[in-house]
Amino acid sequence: MPEGLQVNIKFAESDSDIARCFAVMAQLYPYLGRQEFVGRIKHQQGQGYRLSYVEEADGVVAVSGFRVLENLAHGRFLYVDDLKRFSFEWI
């Protein structure tokens, strides 16, 4: 990372924060509308899903969806469901 560059990672917990992540996530899931996206994220959050994002002056530029899981085979681990940065070529 270049010296002096700071990245502020935030967690999307409110409906408005989740909705702000839609433009980036729509590049992965173009069949979802904004309202359905927010509803699905809220539902998944009830199951331990976390949505994080990086926002710059122009808006959200990257998102990640993940959960911390635990099982007998691996113990405790981080599972990444979604990882996407905004692509201007997509629009």
N, C-alpha and C. Protein backbone atom coordinates (compact mmCIF):
# COMPACT_ATOMS: atom_id res chain seq x y z
N MET A 1 0.84 -1.17 0.00
CA MET A 1 0.00 0.00 0.00
C MET A 1 0.89 1.24 0.00
N PRO A 2 0.65 2.22 -0.88
CA PRO A 2 1.48 3.43 -0.92
C PRO A 2 1.46 4.16 0.42
N GLU A 3 2.59 4.76 0.74
CA GLU A 3 2.69 5.50 2.00
C GLU A 3 1.65 6.62 2.04
N GLY A 4 1.00 6.76 3.17
CA GLY A 4 0.01 7.81 3.34
C GLY A 4 -1.39 7.44 2.89
N LEU A 5 -1.56 6.30 2.23
CA LEU A 5 -2.88 5.88 1.77
C LEU A 5 -3.62 5.20 2.91
N GLN A 6 -4.79 5.69 3.22
CA GLN A 6 -5.61 5.09 4.26
C GLN A 6 -6.87 4.53 3.64
N VAL A 7 -7.24 3.35 4.07
CA VAL A 7 -8.47 2.72 3.61
C VAL A 7 -9.35 2.55 4.84
N ASN A 8 -10.57 3.06 4.75
CA ASN A 8 -11.50 2.97 5.86
C ASN A 8 -12.55 1.91 5.52
N ILE A 9 -12.49 0.78 6.22
CA ILE A 9 -13.43 -0.31 6.00
C ILE A 9 -14.57 -0.17 6.99
N LYS A 10 -15.79 -0.20 6.48
CA LYS A 10 -16.98 -0.03 7.32
C LYS A 10 -17.86 -1.28 7.20
N PHE A 11 -18.69 -1.49 8.19
CA PHE A 11 -19.67 -2.57 8.14
C PHE A 11 -21.03 -1.99 7.77
N ALA A 12 -21.70 -2.62 6.81
CA ALA A 12 -23.04 -2.20 6.39
C ALA A 12 -24.04 -2.92 7.28
N GLU A 13 -24.68 -2.17 8.15
CA GLU A 13 -25.65 -2.76 9.06
C GLU A 13 -27.04 -2.18 8.87
N SER A 14 -27.13 -0.90 8.55
CA SER A 14 -28.44 -0.29 8.32
C SER A 14 -28.90 -0.55 6.88
N ASP A 15 -30.20 -0.43 6.67
CA ASP A 15 -30.73 -0.61 5.31
C ASP A 15 -30.07 0.36 4.33
N SER A 16 -29.83 1.60 4.76
CA SER A 16 -29.23 2.58 3.84
C SER A 16 -27.78 2.24 3.53
N ASP A 17 -27.03 1.74 4.51
CA ASP A 17 -25.65 1.31 4.24
C ASP A 17 -25.63 0.13 3.27
N ILE A 18 -26.51 -0.82 3.49
CA ILE A 18 -26.59 -2.00 2.61
C ILE A 18 -26.95 -1.56 1.19
N ALA A 19 -27.93 -0.67 1.07
CA ALA A 19 -28.35 -0.19 -0.25
C ALA A 19 -27.22 0.54 -0.97
N ARG A 20 -26.35 1.23 -0.23
CA ARG A 20 -25.22 1.93 -0.86
C ARG A 20 -24.24 0.95 -1.48
N CYS A 21 -24.24 -0.29 -1.03
CA CYS A 21 -23.34 -1.32 -1.57
C CYS A 21 -23.92 -1.99 -2.83
N PHE A 22 -25.15 -1.67 -3.16
CA PHE A 22 -25.85 -2.37 -4.24
C PHE A 22 -25.15 -2.24 -5.59
N ALA A 23 -24.69 -1.06 -5.96
CA ALA A 23 -24.09 -0.87 -7.29
C ALA A 23 -22.90 -1.79 -7.52
N VAL A 24 -22.11 -2.02 -6.48
CA VAL A 24 -20.96 -2.91 -6.62
C VAL A 24 -21.42 -4.37 -6.67
N MET A 25 -22.30 -4.75 -5.75
CA MET A 25 -22.76 -6.15 -5.70
C MET A 25 -23.60 -6.52 -6.92
N ALA A 26 -24.25 -5.54 -7.53
CA ALA A 26 -25.05 -5.82 -8.73
C ALA A 26 -24.18 -6.29 -9.88
N GLN A 27 -22.88 -6.00 -9.82
CA GLN A 27 -21.96 -6.50 -10.84
C GLN A 27 -21.77 -8.01 -10.70
N LEU A 28 -21.95 -8.53 -9.50
CA LEU A 28 -21.89 -9.98 -9.28
C LEU A 28 -23.25 -10.63 -9.48
N TYR A 29 -24.29 -9.91 -9.09
CA TYR A 29 -25.65 -10.47 -9.10
C TYR A 29 -26.60 -9.52 -9.84
N PRO A 30 -26.49 -9.43 -11.16
CA PRO A 30 -27.28 -8.45 -11.92
C PRO A 30 -28.78 -8.75 -11.93
N TYR A 31 -29.18 -9.93 -11.54
CA TYR A 31 -30.59 -10.30 -11.54
C TYR A 31 -31.32 -9.81 -10.30
N LEU A 32 -30.62 -9.26 -9.31
CA LEU A 32 -31.26 -8.77 -8.09
C LEU A 32 -31.57 -7.28 -8.21
N GLY A 33 -32.75 -6.91 -7.77
CA GLY A 33 -33.09 -5.50 -7.64
C GLY A 33 -32.61 -4.98 -6.30
N ARG A 34 -32.58 -3.67 -6.14
CA ARG A 34 -32.08 -3.05 -4.91
C ARG A 34 -32.84 -3.51 -3.67
N GLN A 35 -34.15 -3.52 -3.72
CA GLN A 35 -34.95 -3.91 -2.56
C GLN A 35 -34.73 -5.38 -2.19
N GLU A 36 -34.70 -6.25 -3.20
CA GLU A 36 -34.47 -7.67 -2.94
C GLU A 36 -33.06 -7.88 -2.36
N PHE A 37 -32.09 -7.14 -2.88
CA PHE A 37 -30.72 -7.22 -2.38
C PHE A 37 -30.68 -6.87 -0.89
N VAL A 38 -31.29 -5.76 -0.52
CA VAL A 38 -31.29 -5.35 0.89
C VAL A 38 -31.97 -6.41 1.75
N GLY A 39 -33.11 -6.93 1.29
CA GLY A 39 -33.82 -7.96 2.04
C GLY A 39 -33.01 -9.23 2.23
N ARG A 40 -32.34 -9.66 1.18
CA ARG A 40 -31.52 -10.87 1.28
C ARG A 40 -30.34 -10.69 2.22
N ILE A 41 -29.70 -9.52 2.15
CA ILE A 41 -28.57 -9.25 3.04
C ILE A 41 -29.06 -9.24 4.49
N LYS A 42 -30.17 -8.57 4.76
CA LYS A 42 -30.71 -8.53 6.12
C LYS A 42 -31.01 -9.95 6.62
N HIS A 43 -31.58 -10.78 5.76
CA HIS A 43 -31.88 -12.17 6.14
C HIS A 43 -30.60 -12.93 6.46
N GLN A 44 -29.60 -12.78 5.60
CA GLN A 44 -28.33 -13.47 5.81
C GLN A 44 -27.61 -12.96 7.06
N GLN A 45 -27.78 -11.68 7.37
CA GLN A 45 -27.15 -11.14 8.57
C GLN A 45 -27.68 -11.84 9.82
N GLY A 46 -28.92 -12.27 9.77
CA GLY A 46 -29.48 -13.04 10.87
C GLY A 46 -28.83 -14.40 11.03
N GLN A 47 -28.07 -14.82 10.02
CA GLN A 47 -27.37 -16.10 10.04
C GLN A 47 -25.86 -15.92 10.18
N GLY A 48 -25.42 -14.72 10.56
CA GLY A 48 -24.01 -14.47 10.79
C GLY A 48 -23.24 -13.80 9.67
N TYR A 49 -23.90 -13.51 8.55
CA TYR A 49 -23.25 -12.86 7.40
C TYR A 49 -22.90 -11.42 7.77
N ARG A 50 -21.73 -10.95 7.36
CA ARG A 50 -21.32 -9.56 7.54
C ARG A 50 -21.00 -8.98 6.18
N LEU A 51 -21.44 -7.76 5.95
CA LEU A 51 -21.16 -7.04 4.71
C LEU A 51 -20.28 -5.85 5.06
N SER A 52 -19.09 -5.81 4.49
CA SER A 52 -18.19 -4.67 4.72
C SER A 52 -17.96 -3.96 3.39
N TYR A 53 -17.56 -2.69 3.48
CA TYR A 53 -17.36 -1.92 2.26
C TYR A 53 -16.32 -0.84 2.46
N VAL A 54 -15.77 -0.40 1.33
CA VAL A 54 -14.84 0.72 1.30
C VAL A 54 -15.51 1.81 0.48
N GLU A 55 -15.54 3.00 1.04
CA GLU A 55 -16.19 4.12 0.37
C GLU A 55 -15.19 5.24 0.14
N GLU A 56 -15.20 5.78 -1.06
CA GLU A 56 -14.39 6.94 -1.40
C GLU A 56 -15.34 8.09 -1.72
N ALA A 57 -14.81 9.19 -2.19
CA ALA A 57 -15.63 10.38 -2.45
C ALA A 57 -16.77 10.10 -3.43
N ASP A 58 -16.55 9.21 -4.41
CA ASP A 58 -17.56 8.92 -5.43
C ASP A 58 -18.55 7.86 -5.00
N GLY A 59 -18.36 7.28 -3.83
CA GLY A 59 -19.27 6.24 -3.35
C GLY A 59 -18.53 4.97 -3.00
N VAL A 60 -19.29 3.90 -2.85
CA VAL A 60 -18.73 2.60 -2.48
C VAL A 60 -17.92 2.06 -3.65
N VAL A 61 -16.69 1.64 -3.37
CA VAL A 61 -15.81 1.15 -4.43
C VAL A 61 -15.46 -0.33 -4.29
N ALA A 62 -15.73 -0.91 -3.11
CA ALA A 62 -15.44 -2.33 -2.91
C ALA A 62 -16.31 -2.87 -1.78
N VAL A 63 -16.69 -4.15 -1.91
CA VAL A 63 -17.50 -4.79 -0.87
C VAL A 63 -16.98 -6.20 -0.63
N SER A 64 -17.25 -6.69 0.57
CA SER A 64 -16.99 -8.09 0.86
C SER A 64 -18.10 -8.59 1.78
N GLY A 65 -18.53 -9.80 1.50
CA GLY A 65 -19.51 -10.46 2.34
C GLY A 65 -18.87 -11.71 2.90
N PHE A 66 -18.94 -11.88 4.20
CA PHE A 66 -18.25 -13.00 4.82
C PHE A 66 -18.97 -13.44 6.08
N ARG A 67 -18.54 -14.57 6.60
CA ARG A 67 -19.04 -15.07 7.88
C ARG A 67 -17.93 -15.86 8.56
N VAL A 68 -17.95 -15.86 9.86
CA VAL A 68 -17.02 -16.67 10.65
C VAL A 68 -17.76 -17.95 10.99
N LEU A 69 -17.18 -19.08 10.60
CA LEU A 69 -17.78 -20.38 10.80
C LEU A 69 -16.88 -21.25 11.66
N GLU A 70 -17.42 -22.35 12.11
CA GLU A 70 -16.64 -23.31 12.86
C GLU A 70 -17.17 -24.70 12.57
N ASN A 71 -16.24 -25.62 12.30
CA ASN A 71 -16.64 -27.02 12.11
C ASN A 71 -15.54 -27.95 12.61
N LEU A 72 -15.83 -29.21 12.62
CA LEU A 72 -14.86 -30.18 13.13
C LEU A 72 -13.61 -30.27 12.27
N ALA A 73 -13.78 -30.18 10.96
CA ALA A 73 -12.65 -30.36 10.05
C ALA A 73 -11.64 -29.22 10.12
N HIS A 74 -12.13 -27.98 10.26
CA HIS A 74 -11.24 -26.82 10.15
C HIS A 74 -11.18 -25.97 11.41
N GLY A 75 -12.01 -26.25 12.39
CA GLY A 75 -12.07 -25.37 13.55
C GLY A 75 -12.77 -24.08 13.16
N ARG A 76 -12.31 -22.97 13.68
CA ARG A 76 -12.90 -21.65 13.39
C ARG A 76 -12.21 -21.07 12.15
N PHE A 77 -12.99 -20.55 11.20
CA PHE A 77 -12.42 -20.00 9.97
C PHE A 77 -13.32 -18.92 9.38
N LEU A 78 -12.74 -18.14 8.52
CA LEU A 78 -13.46 -17.07 7.82
C LEU A 78 -13.84 -17.57 6.44
N TYR A 79 -15.13 -17.52 6.12
CA TYR A 79 -15.61 -17.92 4.80
C TYR A 79 -16.03 -16.66 4.05
N VAL A 80 -15.44 -16.42 2.89
CA VAL A 80 -15.76 -15.25 2.08
C VAL A 80 -16.80 -15.66 1.03
N ASP A 81 -17.99 -15.08 1.15
CA ASP A 81 -19.07 -15.34 0.20
C ASP A 81 -18.92 -14.46 -1.05
N ASP A 82 -18.61 -13.20 -0.83
CA ASP A 82 -18.59 -12.22 -1.92
C ASP A 82 -17.40 -11.29 -1.74
N LEU A 83 -16.73 -10.98 -2.84
CA LEU A 83 -15.61 -10.04 -2.81
C LEU A 83 -15.58 -9.35 -4.17
N LYS A 84 -15.78 -8.03 -4.18
CA LYS A 84 -15.89 -7.33 -5.47
C LYS A 84 -15.47 -5.88 -5.31
N ARG A 85 -14.69 -5.41 -6.26
CA ARG A 85 -14.43 -3.97 -6.36
C ARG A 85 -15.23 -3.43 -7.54
N PHE A 86 -15.58 -2.17 -7.50
CA PHE A 86 -16.38 -1.58 -8.56
C PHE A 86 -15.58 -1.55 -9.85
N SER A 87 -16.21 -1.95 -10.94
CA SER A 87 -15.57 -1.97 -12.24
C SER A 87 -16.29 -1.00 -13.16
N PHE A 88 -15.61 0.05 -13.60
CA PHE A 88 -16.23 1.02 -14.49
C PHE A 88 -16.50 0.45 -15.87
N GLU A 89 -15.78 -0.61 -16.23
CA GLU A 89 -16.00 -1.24 -17.54
C GLU A 89 -17.38 -1.90 -17.59
N TRP A 90 -17.94 -2.19 -16.42
CA TRP A 90 -19.22 -2.90 -16.34
C TRP A 90 -20.38 -2.02 -16.74
N ILE A 91 -20.26 -0.70 -16.49
CA ILE A 91 -21.39 0.21 -16.78
C ILE A 91 -21.34 0.74 -18.18
